[in-house]
Amino acid sequence: MEEKIREAVASLPDDSRRVFVLSRYEGKTYEQIGKEMGISVNTVKYPIKRALRMLYNRLKPYLF
């Protein structure tokens, strides 16, 4: 399953993958990500939401 997760994360669009990795793997807050990337917190939220939705859809067959 871990390999499937890595593949799914790698397949995300660049902006979503970068924000997702900073948030979930590096443990940064949305505020920290926004400062690091030079974007607002609200701008951070959309790629995270999109990444989670895409990951769920790609991994759904393996979850149930």
PDB file of N, CA and C in Angstrom:
ATOM      1  N   MET A   1       0.816  -1.192   0.000  1.00  0.00           N
ATOM      2  CA  MET A   1       0.000   0.000   0.000  1.00  0.00           C
ATOM      3  C   MET A   1       0.864   1.262   0.000  1.00  0.00           C
ATOM      4  N   GLU A   2       1.977   1.199   0.707  1.00  0.00           N
ATOM      5  CA  GLU A   2       2.862   2.359   0.768  1.00  0.00           C
ATOM      6  C   GLU A   2       3.346   2.760  -0.628  1.00  0.00           C
ATOM      7  N   GLU A   3       3.637   1.794  -1.454  1.00  0.00           N
ATOM      8  CA  GLU A   3       4.079   2.065  -2.830  1.00  0.00           C
ATOM      9  C   GLU A   3       2.965   2.738  -3.630  1.00  0.00           C
ATOM     10  N   LYS A   4       1.746   2.292  -3.450  1.00  0.00           N
ATOM     11  CA  LYS A   4       0.595   2.889  -4.153  1.00  0.00           C
ATOM     12  C   LYS A   4       0.420   4.352  -3.733  1.00  0.00           C
ATOM     13  N   ILE A   5       0.629   4.623  -2.453  1.00  0.00           N
ATOM     14  CA  ILE A   5       0.521   6.005  -1.963  1.00  0.00           C
ATOM     15  C   ILE A   5       1.613   6.863  -2.587  1.00  0.00           C
ATOM     16  N   ARG A   6       2.848   6.361  -2.603  1.00  0.00           N
ATOM     17  CA  ARG A   6       3.955   7.122  -3.220  1.00  0.00           C
ATOM     18  C   ARG A   6       3.666   7.406  -4.693  1.00  0.00           C
ATOM     19  N   GLU A   7       3.162   6.412  -5.409  1.00  0.00           N
ATOM     20  CA  GLU A   7       2.837   6.597  -6.828  1.00  0.00           C
ATOM     21  C   GLU A   7       1.731   7.634  -6.996  1.00  0.00           C
ATOM     22  N   ALA A   8       0.712   7.568  -6.137  1.00  0.00           N
ATOM     23  CA  ALA A   8      -0.396   8.515  -6.235  1.00  0.00           C
ATOM     24  C   ALA A   8       0.077   9.937  -5.947  1.00  0.00           C
ATOM     25  N   VAL A   9       0.911  10.111  -4.944  1.00  0.00           N
ATOM     26  CA  VAL A   9       1.443  11.441  -4.625  1.00  0.00           C
ATOM     27  C   VAL A   9       2.313  11.947  -5.780  1.00  0.00           C
ATOM     28  N   ALA A  10       3.133  11.086  -6.334  1.00  0.00           N
ATOM     29  CA  ALA A  10       4.001  11.478  -7.453  1.00  0.00           C
ATOM     30  C   ALA A  10       3.204  11.886  -8.684  1.00  0.00           C
ATOM     31  N   SER A  11       2.000  11.366  -8.815  1.00  0.00           N
ATOM     32  CA  SER A  11       1.192  11.674  -9.999  1.00  0.00           C
ATOM     33  C   SER A  11       0.390  12.964  -9.870  1.00  0.00           C
ATOM     34  N   LEU A  12       0.428  13.597  -8.706  1.00  0.00           N
ATOM     35  CA  LEU A  12      -0.304  14.851  -8.521  1.00  0.00           C
ATOM     36  C   LEU A  12       0.307  15.962  -9.376  1.00  0.00           C
ATOM     37  N   PRO A  13      -0.514  16.939  -9.771  1.00  0.00           N
ATOM     38  CA  PRO A  13       0.038  18.113 -10.457  1.00  0.00           C
ATOM     39  C   PRO A  13       1.086  18.781  -9.566  1.00  0.00           C
ATOM     40  N   ASP A  14       2.063  19.418 -10.174  1.00  0.00           N
ATOM     41  CA  ASP A  14       3.197  19.988  -9.441  1.00  0.00           C
ATOM     42  C   ASP A  14       2.799  20.858  -8.251  1.00  0.00           C
ATOM     43  N   ASP A  15       1.883  21.804  -8.453  1.00  0.00           N
ATOM     44  CA  ASP A  15       1.523  22.717  -7.361  1.00  0.00           C
ATOM     45  C   ASP A  15       0.864  21.969  -6.211  1.00  0.00           C
ATOM     46  N   SER A  16      -0.023  21.060  -6.526  1.00  0.00           N
ATOM     47  CA  SER A  16      -0.696  20.285  -5.480  1.00  0.00           C
ATOM     48  C   SER A  16       0.281  19.369  -4.755  1.00  0.00           C
ATOM     49  N   ARG A  17       1.168  18.746  -5.494  1.00  0.00           N
ATOM     50  CA  ARG A  17       2.139  17.835  -4.883  1.00  0.00           C
ATOM     51  C   ARG A  17       3.066  18.595  -3.935  1.00  0.00           C
ATOM     52  N   ARG A  18       3.551  19.738  -4.373  1.00  0.00           N
ATOM     53  CA  ARG A  18       4.483  20.510  -3.541  1.00  0.00           C
ATOM     54  C   ARG A  18       3.833  20.939  -2.225  1.00  0.00           C
ATOM     55  N   VAL A  19       2.621  21.480  -2.310  1.00  0.00           N
ATOM     56  CA  VAL A  19       1.915  21.921  -1.118  1.00  0.00           C
ATOM     57  C   VAL A  19       1.569  20.719  -0.232  1.00  0.00           C
ATOM     58  N   PHE A  20       1.138  19.630  -0.837  1.00  0.00           N
ATOM     59  CA  PHE A  20       0.791  18.427  -0.075  1.00  0.00           C
ATOM     60  C   PHE A  20       2.009  17.887   0.673  1.00  0.00           C
ATOM     61  N   VAL A  21       3.136  17.802   0.011  1.00  0.00           N
ATOM     62  CA  VAL A  21       4.358  17.283   0.644  1.00  0.00           C
ATOM     63  C   VAL A  21       4.790  18.193   1.791  1.00  0.00           C
ATOM     64  N   LEU A  22       4.758  19.488   1.572  1.00  0.00           N
ATOM     65  CA  LEU A  22       5.136  20.416   2.637  1.00  0.00           C
ATOM     66  C   LEU A  22       4.209  20.275   3.847  1.00  0.00           C
ATOM     67  N   SER A  23       2.939  20.090   3.586  1.00  0.00           N
ATOM     68  CA  SER A  23       1.969  19.987   4.662  1.00  0.00           C
ATOM     69  C   SER A  23       2.010  18.634   5.363  1.00  0.00           C
ATOM     70  N   ARG A  24       1.870  17.562   4.592  1.00  0.00           N
ATOM     71  CA  ARG A  24       1.689  16.248   5.199  1.00  0.00           C
ATOM     72  C   ARG A  24       2.995  15.538   5.539  1.00  0.00           C
ATOM     73  N   TYR A  25       4.019  15.694   4.740  1.00  0.00           N
ATOM     74  CA  TYR A  25       5.279  14.988   4.997  1.00  0.00           C
ATOM     75  C   TYR A  25       6.250  15.814   5.839  1.00  0.00           C
ATOM     76  N   GLU A  26       6.258  17.127   5.626  1.00  0.00           N
ATOM     77  CA  GLU A  26       7.183  17.981   6.371  1.00  0.00           C
ATOM     78  C   GLU A  26       6.527  18.645   7.570  1.00  0.00           C
ATOM     79  N   GLY A  27       5.209  18.500   7.708  1.00  0.00           N
ATOM     80  CA  GLY A  27       4.499  18.992   8.882  1.00  0.00           C
ATOM     81  C   GLY A  27       4.378  20.498   8.998  1.00  0.00           C
ATOM     82  N   LYS A  28       4.479  21.195   7.883  1.00  0.00           N
ATOM     83  CA  LYS A  28       4.384  22.658   7.930  1.00  0.00           C
ATOM     84  C   LYS A  28       2.928  23.094   7.953  1.00  0.00           C
ATOM     85  N   THR A  29       2.692  24.233   8.609  1.00  0.00           N
ATOM     86  CA  THR A  29       1.348  24.802   8.644  1.00  0.00           C
ATOM     87  C   THR A  29       1.063  25.503   7.315  1.00  0.00           C
ATOM     88  N   TYR A  30      -0.210  25.779   7.096  1.00  0.00           N
ATOM     89  CA  TYR A  30      -0.581  26.512   5.884  1.00  0.00           C
ATOM     90  C   TYR A  30       0.093  27.881   5.851  1.00  0.00           C
ATOM     91  N   GLU A  31       0.224  28.493   7.020  1.00  0.00           N
ATOM     92  CA  GLU A  31       0.887  29.802   7.102  1.00  0.00           C
ATOM     93  C   GLU A  31       2.358  29.683   6.698  1.00  0.00           C
ATOM     94  N   GLN A  32       3.038  28.664   7.198  1.00  0.00           N
ATOM     95  CA  GLN A  32       4.446  28.459   6.852  1.00  0.00           C
ATOM     96  C   GLN A  32       4.606  28.186   5.356  1.00  0.00           C
ATOM     97  N   ILE A  33       3.718  27.378   4.811  1.00  0.00           N
ATOM     98  CA  ILE A  33       3.772  27.058   3.380  1.00  0.00           C
ATOM     99  C   ILE A  33       3.551  28.323   2.562  1.00  0.00           C
ATOM    100  N   GLY A  34       2.567  29.112   2.968  1.00  0.00           N
ATOM    101  CA  GLY A  34       2.284  30.362   2.264  1.00  0.00           C
ATOM    102  C   GLY A  34       3.484  31.285   2.244  1.00  0.00           C
ATOM    103  N   LYS A  35       4.144  31.437   3.394  1.00  0.00           N
ATOM    104  CA  LYS A  35       5.335  32.293   3.458  1.00  0.00           C
ATOM    105  C   LYS A  35       6.453  31.739   2.591  1.00  0.00           C
ATOM    106  N   GLU A  36       6.679  30.433   2.671  1.00  0.00           N
ATOM    107  CA  GLU A  36       7.759  29.814   1.898  1.00  0.00           C
ATOM    108  C   GLU A  36       7.535  29.942   0.399  1.00  0.00           C
ATOM    109  N   MET A  37       6.274  29.819  -0.020  1.00  0.00           N
ATOM    110  CA  MET A  37       5.961  29.857  -1.446  1.00  0.00           C
ATOM    111  C   MET A  37       5.569  31.249  -1.936  1.00  0.00           C
ATOM    112  N   GLY A  38       5.417  32.193  -1.002  1.00  0.00           N
ATOM    113  CA  GLY A  38       5.038  33.554  -1.381  1.00  0.00           C
ATOM    114  C   GLY A  38       3.588  33.660  -1.829  1.00  0.00           C
ATOM    115  N   ILE A  39       2.706  32.866  -1.186  1.00  0.00           N
ATOM    116  CA  ILE A  39       1.283  32.887  -1.525  1.00  0.00           C
ATOM    117  C   ILE A  39       0.476  33.015  -0.233  1.00  0.00           C
ATOM    118  N   SER A  40      -0.800  33.336  -0.375  1.00  0.00           N
ATOM    119  CA  SER A  40      -1.659  33.493   0.796  1.00  0.00           C
ATOM    120  C   SER A  40      -2.092  32.130   1.335  1.00  0.00           C
ATOM    121  N   VAL A  41      -2.567  32.136   2.563  1.00  0.00           N
ATOM    122  CA  VAL A  41      -3.060  30.903   3.184  1.00  0.00           C
ATOM    123  C   VAL A  41      -4.228  30.340   2.377  1.00  0.00           C
ATOM    124  N   ASN A  42      -5.103  31.210   1.909  1.00  0.00           N
ATOM    125  CA  ASN A  42      -6.230  30.740   1.093  1.00  0.00           C
ATOM    126  C   ASN A  42      -5.757  30.083  -0.196  1.00  0.00           C
ATOM    127  N   THR A  43      -4.673  30.582  -0.746  1.00  0.00           N
ATOM    128  CA  THR A  43      -4.133  29.990  -1.965  1.00  0.00           C
ATOM    129  C   THR A  43      -3.502  28.633  -1.669  1.00  0.00           C
ATOM    130  N   VAL A  44      -3.063  28.407  -0.462  1.00  0.00           N
ATOM    131  CA  VAL A  44      -2.514  27.113  -0.051  1.00  0.00           C
ATOM    132  C   VAL A  44      -3.638  26.086   0.070  1.00  0.00           C
ATOM    133  N   LYS A  45      -4.782  26.501   0.529  1.00  0.00           N
ATOM    134  CA  LYS A  45      -5.884  25.577   0.809  1.00  0.00           C
ATOM    135  C   LYS A  45      -6.399  24.858  -0.434  1.00  0.00           C
ATOM    136  N   TYR A  46      -6.493  25.536  -1.547  1.00  0.00           N
ATOM    137  CA  TYR A  46      -7.062  24.914  -2.743  1.00  0.00           C
ATOM    138  C   TYR A  46      -6.233  23.731  -3.245  1.00  0.00           C
ATOM    139  N   PRO A  47      -4.908  23.862  -3.421  1.00  0.00           N
ATOM    140  CA  PRO A  47      -4.143  22.696  -3.878  1.00  0.00           C
ATOM    141  C   PRO A  47      -4.175  21.527  -2.893  1.00  0.00           C
ATOM    142  N   ILE A  48      -4.263  21.824  -1.601  1.00  0.00           N
ATOM    143  CA  ILE A  48      -4.372  20.754  -0.604  1.00  0.00           C
ATOM    144  C   ILE A  48      -5.688  20.006  -0.803  1.00  0.00           C
ATOM    145  N   LYS A  49      -6.761  20.760  -0.942  1.00  0.00           N
ATOM    146  CA  LYS A  49      -8.076  20.146  -1.140  1.00  0.00           C
ATOM    147  C   LYS A  49      -8.081  19.307  -2.424  1.00  0.00           C
ATOM    148  N   ARG A  50      -7.515  19.855  -3.476  1.00  0.00           N
ATOM    149  CA  ARG A  50      -7.464  19.136  -4.755  1.00  0.00           C
ATOM    150  C   ARG A  50      -6.615  17.873  -4.627  1.00  0.00           C
ATOM    151  N   ALA A  51      -5.476  17.972  -3.954  1.00  0.00           N
ATOM    152  CA  ALA A  51      -4.598  16.815  -3.780  1.00  0.00           C
ATOM    153  C   ALA A  51      -5.304  15.712  -2.996  1.00  0.00           C
ATOM    154  N   LEU A  52      -5.968  16.074  -1.918  1.00  0.00           N
ATOM    155  CA  LEU A  52      -6.660  15.069  -1.107  1.00  0.00           C
ATOM    156  C   LEU A  52      -7.767  14.379  -1.899  1.00  0.00           C
ATOM    157  N   ARG A  53      -8.495  15.156  -2.681  1.00  0.00           N
ATOM    158  CA  ARG A  53      -9.561  14.581  -3.508  1.00  0.00           C
ATOM    159  C   ARG A  53      -8.982  13.625  -4.553  1.00  0.00           C
ATOM    160  N   MET A  54      -7.901  14.030  -5.192  1.00  0.00           N
ATOM    161  CA  MET A  54      -7.280  13.183  -6.215  1.00  0.00           C
ATOM    162  C   MET A  54      -6.697  11.913  -5.595  1.00  0.00           C
ATOM    163  N   LEU A  55      -6.051  12.050  -4.450  1.00  0.00           N
ATOM    164  CA  LEU A  55      -5.482  10.882  -3.780  1.00  0.00           C
ATOM    165  C   LEU A  55      -6.579   9.914  -3.358  1.00  0.00           C
ATOM    166  N   TYR A  56      -7.655  10.448  -2.812  1.00  0.00           N
ATOM    167  CA  TYR A  56      -8.767   9.587  -2.415  1.00  0.00           C
ATOM    168  C   TYR A  56      -9.294   8.808  -3.620  1.00  0.00           C
ATOM    169  N   ASN A  57      -9.517   9.507  -4.717  1.00  0.00           N
ATOM    170  CA  ASN A  57     -10.052   8.842  -5.913  1.00  0.00           C
ATOM    171  C   ASN A  57      -9.098   7.780  -6.457  1.00  0.00           C
ATOM    172  N   ARG A  58      -7.806   8.043  -6.421  1.00  0.00           N
ATOM    173  CA  ARG A  58      -6.833   7.073  -6.935  1.00  0.00           C
ATOM    174  C   ARG A  58      -6.633   5.882  -6.008  1.00  0.00           C
ATOM    175  N   LEU A  59      -6.775   6.114  -4.713  1.00  0.00           N
ATOM    176  CA  LEU A  59      -6.518   5.047  -3.739  1.00  0.00           C
ATOM    177  C   LEU A  59      -7.784   4.344  -3.259  1.00  0.00           C
ATOM    178  N   LYS A  60      -8.942   4.843  -3.660  1.00  0.00           N
ATOM    179  CA  LYS A  60     -10.208   4.278  -3.218  1.00  0.00           C
ATOM    180  C   LYS A  60     -10.309   2.759  -3.437  1.00  0.00           C
ATOM    181  N   PRO A  61      -9.847   2.233  -4.568  1.00  0.00           N
ATOM    182  CA  PRO A  61      -9.948   0.774  -4.763  1.00  0.00           C
ATOM    183  C   PRO A  61      -9.157  -0.031  -3.729  1.00  0.00           C
ATOM    184  N   TYR A  62      -8.168   0.579  -3.120  1.00  0.00           N
ATOM    185  CA  TYR A  62      -7.336  -0.132  -2.160  1.00  0.00           C
ATOM    186  C   TYR A  62      -7.793   0.068  -0.716  1.00  0.00           C
ATOM    187  N   LEU A  63      -8.765   0.968  -0.507  1.00  0.00           N
ATOM    188  CA  LEU A  63      -9.190   1.307   0.840  1.00  0.00           C
ATOM    189  C   LEU A  63     -10.292   0.405   1.373  1.00  0.00           C
ATOM    190  N   PHE A  64     -11.108  -0.107   0.480  1.00  0.00           N
ATOM    191  CA  PHE A  64     -12.268  -0.872   0.961  1.00  0.00           C
ATOM    192  C   PHE A  64     -12.244  -2.284   0.465  1.00  0.00           C
TER     193      PHE A  64
END
